[in-house]
Amino acid sequence: MSREQCTTVSGPPTARPLHSRDGRLTSASLSEKPGRGNLFTNVTRNLGPDKIVVCDSLNYIKGFRYQMYCAAREAHARTVTVRGAALESL
């Protein structure tokens, strides 16, 4: 029986960007792109069939979630997605 290694990878502390017509708020999404790249690199570096990787981040972009899913499949790792929700009153 093999012993599994567990790693936690946290994303940058950013909130989902808002969009406006004048372009001021969309610049927030441009600053998130390097953070997503670093997160993806750290996750893929730790993937493996006998490893548990917990990716703690705001993964609200469907294409980014799919990219991480494909990387996990390539590394022969099993995947699970857990979504948490909280009431605004909390």
Protein backbone atom coordinates (compact mmCIF):
# COMPACT_ATOMS: atom_id res chain seq x y z
CA MET A 1 0.00 0.00 0.00
CA SER A 2 1.45 3.34 -1.04
CA ARG A 3 1.51 6.41 1.11
CA GLU A 4 -0.09 9.50 -0.42
CA GLN A 5 1.38 12.98 -0.10
CA CYS A 6 -0.97 15.95 0.41
CA THR A 7 -0.19 19.47 -0.85
CA THR A 8 -2.32 22.63 -0.60
CA VAL A 9 -1.94 25.27 -3.31
CA SER A 10 -3.67 28.60 -2.68
CA GLY A 11 -4.49 31.14 -5.33
CA PRO A 12 -4.05 34.89 -5.07
CA PRO A 13 -6.55 36.67 -2.79
CA THR A 14 -8.62 38.29 -5.52
CA ALA A 15 -12.31 38.84 -5.98
CA ARG A 16 -14.24 38.26 -9.16
CA PRO A 17 -13.73 41.35 -11.33
CA LEU A 18 -16.64 43.57 -12.24
CA HIS A 19 -17.01 44.88 -15.77
CA SER A 20 -17.86 48.39 -16.86
CA ARG A 21 -18.06 50.12 -20.20
CA ASP A 22 -15.30 52.63 -19.52
CA GLY A 23 -12.69 49.89 -18.92
CA ARG A 24 -11.65 50.91 -15.41
CA LEU A 25 -12.89 47.78 -13.70
CA THR A 26 -11.95 45.31 -16.44
CA SER A 27 -8.27 45.99 -15.71
CA ALA A 28 -8.73 43.89 -12.56
CA SER A 29 -9.16 40.80 -14.73
CA LEU A 30 -5.87 41.55 -16.51
CA SER A 31 -4.04 41.60 -13.19
CA GLU A 32 -5.55 38.20 -12.31
CA LYS A 33 -4.05 36.51 -15.38
CA PRO A 34 -0.49 36.19 -13.98
CA GLY A 35 -1.94 34.89 -10.71
CA ARG A 36 -3.86 32.17 -12.54
CA GLY A 37 -0.68 31.26 -14.42
CA ASN A 38 1.28 30.89 -11.18
CA LEU A 39 -1.54 28.87 -9.64
CA PHE A 40 -1.68 26.52 -12.64
CA THR A 41 2.11 26.06 -12.58
CA ASN A 42 2.12 25.23 -8.86
CA VAL A 43 -0.77 22.79 -9.19
CA THR A 44 0.68 20.94 -12.20
CA ARG A 45 4.11 20.77 -10.53
CA ASN A 46 2.53 18.87 -7.61
CA LEU A 47 0.21 16.55 -9.56
CA GLY A 48 0.81 12.81 -9.54
CA PRO A 49 -1.07 9.52 -9.20
CA ASP A 50 -0.09 9.12 -5.53
CA LYS A 51 -0.49 12.76 -4.50
CA ILE A 52 -3.41 14.74 -3.13
CA VAL A 53 -3.42 18.37 -4.29
CA VAL A 54 -5.94 20.81 -2.80
CA CYS A 55 -6.31 23.90 -4.97
CA ASP A 56 -7.89 26.64 -2.87
CA SER A 57 -8.82 29.46 -5.21
CA LEU A 58 -11.67 31.34 -6.87
CA ASN A 59 -11.91 29.21 -10.01
CA TYR A 60 -14.94 30.92 -11.52
CA ILE A 61 -13.60 30.76 -15.09
CA LYS A 62 -14.89 27.59 -16.74
CA GLY A 63 -11.98 27.34 -19.21
CA PHE A 64 -9.44 27.55 -16.38
CA ARG A 65 -11.20 24.77 -14.46
CA TYR A 66 -11.17 22.63 -17.62
CA GLN A 67 -7.47 23.34 -18.17
CA MET A 68 -6.73 22.13 -14.62
CA TYR A 69 -8.93 19.06 -15.19
CA CYS A 70 -7.00 18.18 -18.37
CA ALA A 71 -3.66 18.61 -16.57
CA ALA A 72 -4.84 16.24 -13.83
CA ARG A 73 -5.92 13.64 -16.39
CA GLU A 74 -2.53 13.90 -18.10
CA ALA A 75 -0.84 13.24 -14.74
CA HIS A 76 -3.15 10.22 -14.17
CA ALA A 77 -4.64 11.86 -11.08
CA ARG A 78 -8.24 11.56 -9.95
CA THR A 79 -10.20 14.79 -9.59
CA VAL A 80 -13.04 16.19 -7.52
CA THR A 81 -14.49 19.70 -7.45
CA VAL A 82 -15.95 21.06 -4.22
CA ARG A 83 -17.93 24.29 -4.27
CA GLY A 84 -18.72 26.16 -1.10
CA ALA A 85 -21.43 28.74 -0.59
CA ALA A 86 -22.31 30.99 2.30
CA LEU A 87 -25.27 33.17 3.07
CA GLU A 88 -24.69 36.91 2.78
CA SER A 89 -25.72 37.31 6.41
CA LEU A 90 -22.67 35.31 7.54
